[in-house]
Amino acid sequence: MSIVKNIVPILFLMSACGDDPDKDTGEDTDTQEDNQDSGLIDRQFLLDSSTGFTPVEGTTVSLTFRGGEIFSMSAGCNTWSGSFAVEDGLLTVVGDGMTEIGCDMALHQQDEWLVVFLSSSPELNLDGDYLTLSTNDAELVFLDSEVATPDLDLVGQTWVVDTFIENEAATAYNLESDPTVTFSGDGTFSMFGGCNEASGEYTVSGADITFSTVVSSAMECMDSSIQEVEMLMFSVFSDGTSSYEIDASRLTVERGSNGISALAE
């Protein structure tokens, strides 16, 4: 089995080796203030309409903006991550890396087109829930995901885990079998880590999930990547309390510095 491990850093180091950590150039501060004032922070947008670009049928183009100038784009294949800045009405994106999931040619070409478009410093206009990015050749209109896709319920979904968080860094694995988690209405849950399975009971209180009476199989998993994945998942879903958040169709569950992020199937 061939497994590709792709690392997508969540944290960006703001100072290089040899820099004075106490030195304030003013430029970074201005950029952070511009980004904070942009209205984009902690929001995800889904493509609603476009001119000069036709998305591959059945795909969803999403843009995510988070604090610390963190940006990511996905369009049904790979995820492109990096940093962003908003200045003089233009969006500047600096790519830091892309996952390497094997997809068909149409999806790869779509990823490539979007990377070029977003790297060209498109004009940005945010009007309420609508975000418009435009160049001389194309215009893409996005809608806030909270409006386009309301948050799903925790119960009744098959959550497919695609991101693993360890010590505040996110890792994506291209595994032969996707890890999954499901929550039932009777207060039980089940989990598949890629090799072993686990199940138990859960209760929800606010943004916390408390797991109890968790039992798991004990198959010997020879692949080191699967072992890493299952160790992380069991650390989050073992007896005890974890925090959770659902944003549209994405579930994030964390305990301490570890966590998982999953999309509803």
Protein backbone atom coordinates (compact mmCIF):
# COMPACT_ATOMS: atom_id res chain seq x y z
CA MET A 1 0.00 0.00 0.00
CA SER A 2 1.40 3.37 -0.98
CA ILE A 3 0.64 6.15 1.46
CA VAL A 4 1.58 9.75 0.87
CA LYS A 5 1.86 11.99 3.89
CA ASN A 6 1.31 15.66 3.22
CA ILE A 7 2.05 18.25 5.86
CA VAL A 8 0.06 21.48 5.87
CA PRO A 9 1.33 23.77 8.65
CA ILE A 10 -1.33 25.62 10.61
CA LEU A 11 1.07 28.02 12.32
CA PHE A 12 3.27 30.43 10.40
CA LEU A 13 6.45 31.62 12.12
CA MET A 14 6.47 35.38 11.96
CA SER A 15 10.19 35.93 12.45
CA ALA A 16 13.15 34.36 10.68
CA CYS A 17 16.35 33.18 12.33
CA GLY A 18 18.48 36.11 13.40
CA ASP A 19 15.60 38.61 13.45
CA ASP A 20 15.04 40.71 16.52
CA PRO A 21 11.75 39.43 17.98
CA ASP A 22 11.16 42.80 19.66
CA LYS A 23 11.62 44.78 16.45
CA ASP A 24 8.37 46.23 15.11
CA THR A 25 8.61 47.30 11.50
CA GLY A 26 5.07 48.67 11.51
CA GLU A 27 4.38 46.99 8.16
CA ASP A 28 3.25 43.68 9.68
CA THR A 29 1.04 45.55 12.15
CA ASP A 30 -0.60 47.51 9.35
CA THR A 31 -1.21 44.30 7.38
CA GLN A 32 -2.76 42.57 10.40
CA GLU A 33 -5.02 45.56 11.03
CA ASP A 34 -6.07 45.66 7.36
CA ASN A 35 -6.84 41.93 7.45
CA GLN A 36 -8.79 42.24 10.69
CA ASP A 37 -10.79 45.13 9.28
CA SER A 38 -11.45 43.28 6.02
CA GLY A 39 -14.37 41.32 7.49
CA LEU A 40 -12.91 38.04 6.22
CA ILE A 41 -11.43 36.60 9.41
CA ASP A 42 -12.92 33.30 10.62
CA ARG A 43 -15.23 33.03 7.61
CA GLN A 44 -15.59 30.49 4.82
CA PHE A 45 -17.04 31.36 1.41
CA LEU A 46 -18.46 29.03 -1.25
CA LEU A 47 -18.52 29.84 -4.97
CA ASP A 48 -22.00 31.05 -5.90
CA SER A 49 -21.54 32.26 -9.49
CA SER A 50 -18.74 33.06 -11.90
CA THR A 51 -17.87 34.72 -15.20
CA GLY A 52 -14.83 33.56 -17.14
CA PHE A 53 -14.61 30.36 -15.09
CA THR A 54 -16.76 27.23 -15.18
CA PRO A 55 -16.36 24.93 -12.16
CA VAL A 56 -16.18 21.19 -12.69
CA GLU A 57 -19.66 19.73 -12.31
CA GLY A 58 -20.36 18.45 -8.83
CA THR A 59 -17.52 20.36 -7.14
CA THR A 60 -17.62 23.12 -4.54
CA VAL A 61 -14.99 25.86 -4.52
CA SER A 62 -14.38 27.14 -1.01
CA LEU A 63 -12.15 29.87 0.44
CA THR A 64 -11.35 30.00 4.16
CA PHE A 65 -9.80 32.94 6.02
CA ARG A 66 -8.57 32.65 9.59
CA GLY A 67 -6.67 34.77 12.10
CA GLY A 68 -2.91 34.95 11.73
CA GLU A 69 -3.30 35.64 7.99
CA ILE A 70 -4.10 31.97 7.33
CA PHE A 71 -5.80 31.19 4.01
CA SER A 72 -6.90 27.96 2.33
CA MET A 73 -8.69 27.01 -0.88
CA SER A 74 -10.24 23.71 -1.90
CA ALA A 75 -12.24 22.73 -4.97
CA GLY A 76 -13.00 19.04 -4.69
CA CYS A 77 -9.46 17.70 -4.99
CA ASN A 78 -6.49 19.18 -3.14
CA THR A 79 -6.25 21.93 -0.54
CA TRP A 80 -4.00 24.93 -1.18
CA SER A 81 -2.87 26.76 1.95
CA GLY A 82 -0.89 29.88 2.67
CA SER A 83 -1.11 33.41 4.00
CA PHE A 84 -3.16 36.35 2.77
CA ALA A 85 -3.27 40.12 2.97
CA VAL A 86 -5.85 42.73 1.97
CA GLU A 87 -4.46 46.07 0.84
CA ASP A 88 -5.86 48.83 -1.37
CA GLY A 89 -8.86 46.66 -2.26
CA LEU A 90 -6.73 43.77 -3.52
CA LEU A 91 -6.37 40.25 -2.14
CA THR A 92 -2.79 38.97 -2.04
CA VAL A 93 -2.28 35.26 -1.41
CA VAL A 94 1.10 33.64 -0.83
CA GLY A 95 0.88 29.86 -1.16
CA ASP A 96 2.67 27.74 1.42
CA GLY A 97 1.86 24.30 0.04
CA MET A 98 -0.74 21.98 -1.44
CA THR A 99 -1.76 18.44 -0.59
CA GLU A 100 -1.00 15.78 -3.20
CA ILE A 101 -4.16 13.72 -3.49
CA GLY A 102 -4.52 11.94 -6.81
CA CYS A 103 -7.54 13.29 -8.72
CA ASP A 104 -8.66 13.23 -12.32
CA MET A 105 -7.22 15.71 -14.82
CA ALA A 106 -10.24 18.03 -14.79
CA LEU A 107 -9.94 18.55 -11.02
CA HIS A 108 -6.19 19.10 -11.22
CA GLN A 109 -6.69 21.68 -13.96
CA GLN A 110 -9.36 23.40 -11.87
CA ASP A 111 -6.96 23.58 -8.91
CA GLU A 112 -4.24 25.03 -11.15
CA TRP A 113 -6.59 27.67 -12.60
CA LEU A 114 -7.74 28.78 -9.17
CA VAL A 115 -4.18 29.00 -7.83
CA VAL A 116 -3.18 31.23 -10.76
CA PHE A 117 -6.31 33.37 -10.33
CA LEU A 118 -5.86 33.83 -6.59
CA SER A 119 -2.12 34.51 -7.00
CA SER A 120 -2.81 37.37 -9.42
CA SER A 121 -3.98 39.76 -6.65
CA PRO A 122 -7.64 39.97 -7.70
CA GLU A 123 -9.76 42.94 -6.75
CA LEU A 124 -11.78 42.18 -3.61
CA ASN A 125 -15.23 43.44 -2.73
CA LEU A 126 -17.09 42.21 0.36
CA ASP A 127 -20.76 43.15 0.49
CA GLY A 128 -22.44 41.52 3.48
CA ASP A 129 -22.45 37.77 2.85
CA TYR A 130 -21.13 38.08 -0.72
CA LEU A 131 -17.43 38.16 -1.59
CA THR A 132 -16.47 39.09 -5.16
CA LEU A 133 -12.99 38.54 -6.58
CA SER A 134 -12.29 39.89 -10.04
CA THR A 135 -9.54 40.34 -12.60
CA ASN A 136 -9.61 41.49 -16.22
CA ASP A 137 -10.38 37.91 -17.28
CA ALA A 138 -12.78 36.54 -14.67
CA GLU A 139 -15.12 37.35 -11.80
CA LEU A 140 -15.93 34.91 -9.01
CA VAL A 141 -18.76 35.60 -6.56
CA PHE A 142 -18.73 33.69 -3.27
CA LEU A 143 -21.41 33.39 -0.58
CA ASP A 144 -20.70 32.99 3.14
CA SER A 145 -20.94 29.27 3.90
CA GLU A 146 -23.14 29.93 6.94
CA VAL A 147 -25.77 31.25 4.53
CA ALA A 148 -25.05 28.91 1.61
CA THR A 149 -24.77 25.78 3.75
CA PRO A 150 -26.20 25.96 7.28
CA ASP A 151 -24.36 23.97 9.95
CA LEU A 152 -25.21 20.27 9.87
CA ASP A 153 -26.30 18.31 12.92
CA LEU A 154 -23.70 16.24 14.72
CA VAL A 155 -26.03 13.22 14.67
CA GLY A 156 -26.90 11.29 11.55
CA GLN A 157 -23.82 12.12 9.48
CA THR A 158 -20.88 9.98 8.47
CA TRP A 159 -17.95 12.28 9.21
CA VAL A 160 -14.96 11.49 6.97
CA VAL A 161 -11.74 12.56 8.69
CA ASP A 162 -9.28 14.31 6.36
CA THR A 163 -7.16 16.40 8.74
CA PHE A 164 -5.27 15.44 11.89
CA ILE A 165 -4.09 18.10 14.35
CA GLU A 166 -1.10 17.47 16.58
CA ASN A 167 0.64 20.20 18.57
CA GLU A 168 -1.27 22.86 16.58
CA ALA A 169 0.00 21.55 13.23
CA ALA A 170 -2.35 19.89 10.72
CA THR A 171 -1.45 16.80 8.74
CA ALA A 172 -3.30 15.29 5.77
CA TYR A 173 -2.81 11.60 4.93
CA ASN A 174 -3.71 9.93 1.66
CA LEU A 175 -4.92 6.62 3.09
CA GLU A 176 -6.39 3.62 1.35
CA SER A 177 -9.42 3.66 3.70
CA ASP A 178 -10.77 6.94 5.07
CA PRO A 179 -11.14 7.19 8.86
CA THR A 180 -14.74 7.95 9.88
CA VAL A 181 -16.82 8.88 12.92
CA THR A 182 -20.60 8.59 13.35
CA PHE A 183 -22.86 9.76 16.18
CA SER A 184 -26.25 8.15 16.76
CA GLY A 185 -29.32 9.66 18.36
CA ASP A 186 -29.29 7.05 21.14
CA GLY A 187 -26.10 8.52 22.64
CA THR A 188 -23.64 6.07 21.10
CA PHE A 189 -20.86 6.68 18.60
CA SER A 190 -18.59 4.56 16.43
CA MET A 191 -15.20 5.27 14.90
CA PHE A 192 -12.98 3.68 12.25
CA GLY A 193 -9.33 4.70 12.28
CA GLY A 194 -8.15 3.05 9.10
CA CYS A 195 -7.40 -0.28 10.73
CA ASN A 196 -9.13 -0.58 14.11
CA GLU A 197 -12.66 0.29 15.19
CA ALA A 198 -13.97 1.82 18.41
CA SER A 199 -17.36 2.56 19.92
CA GLY A 200 -18.83 3.97 23.09
CA GLU A 201 -21.24 6.45 24.57
CA TYR A 202 -21.26 10.24 24.38
CA THR A 203 -23.06 13.21 25.88
CA VAL A 204 -23.08 16.78 24.58
CA SER A 205 -23.02 19.88 26.75
CA GLY A 206 -22.62 23.16 24.89
CA ALA A 207 -19.43 22.91 22.85
CA ASP A 208 -18.16 19.84 24.74
CA ILE A 209 -18.55 16.13 24.04
CA THR A 210 -17.86 13.68 26.86
CA PHE A 211 -17.02 10.11 25.82
CA SER A 212 -17.39 7.10 28.10
CA THR A 213 -17.21 3.28 28.07
CA VAL A 214 -15.10 3.44 24.90
CA VAL A 215 -13.86 0.07 23.66
CA SER A 216 -11.80 -0.72 20.58
CA SER A 217 -10.48 -3.59 18.53
CA ALA A 218 -6.79 -4.45 18.83
CA MET A 219 -5.67 -5.41 15.35
CA GLU A 220 -1.95 -5.05 14.63
CA CYS A 221 -1.60 -2.27 12.04
CA MET A 222 1.77 -2.54 10.34
CA ASP A 223 1.73 0.77 8.48
CA SER A 224 3.28 3.59 10.55
CA SER A 225 1.02 6.26 9.04
CA ILE A 226 -2.12 4.38 10.08
CA GLN A 227 -0.62 3.92 13.55
CA GLU A 228 -0.10 7.69 13.81
CA VAL A 229 -3.65 8.38 12.63
CA GLU A 230 -5.22 5.95 15.09
CA MET A 231 -3.16 7.23 18.03
CA LEU A 232 -4.43 10.75 17.34
CA MET A 233 -8.03 9.63 16.91
CA PHE A 234 -8.03 7.52 20.06
CA SER A 235 -6.53 10.44 22.02
CA VAL A 236 -9.52 12.57 21.00
CA PHE A 237 -12.30 9.95 21.26
CA SER A 238 -11.17 8.06 24.38
CA ASP A 239 -12.95 8.38 27.74
CA GLY A 240 -12.97 12.05 28.69
CA THR A 241 -14.15 15.40 27.37
CA SER A 242 -13.29 16.99 24.03
CA SER A 243 -14.48 20.24 22.47
CA TYR A 244 -16.24 20.28 19.12
CA GLU A 245 -17.35 22.74 16.46
CA ILE A 246 -19.42 22.32 13.31
CA ASP A 247 -18.93 24.84 10.52
CA ALA A 248 -21.35 24.09 7.67
CA SER A 249 -20.41 20.50 6.72
CA ARG A 250 -17.09 20.37 8.62
CA LEU A 251 -16.67 18.93 12.11
CA THR A 252 -13.63 19.67 14.28
CA VAL A 253 -13.05 17.79 17.54
CA GLU A 254 -10.11 18.69 19.80
CA ARG A 255 -8.67 17.63 23.11
CA GLY A 256 -5.64 19.51 24.34
CA SER A 257 -3.26 20.08 21.43
CA ASN A 258 -4.64 17.13 19.41
CA GLY A 259 -7.67 17.01 17.18
CA ILE A 260 -9.34 15.92 13.97
CA SER A 261 -11.28 17.70 11.27
CA ALA A 262 -13.84 15.91 9.10
CA LEU A 263 -16.32 16.55 6.32
CA ALA A 264 -19.81 15.09 6.20
CA GLU A 265 -19.96 12.35 3.58
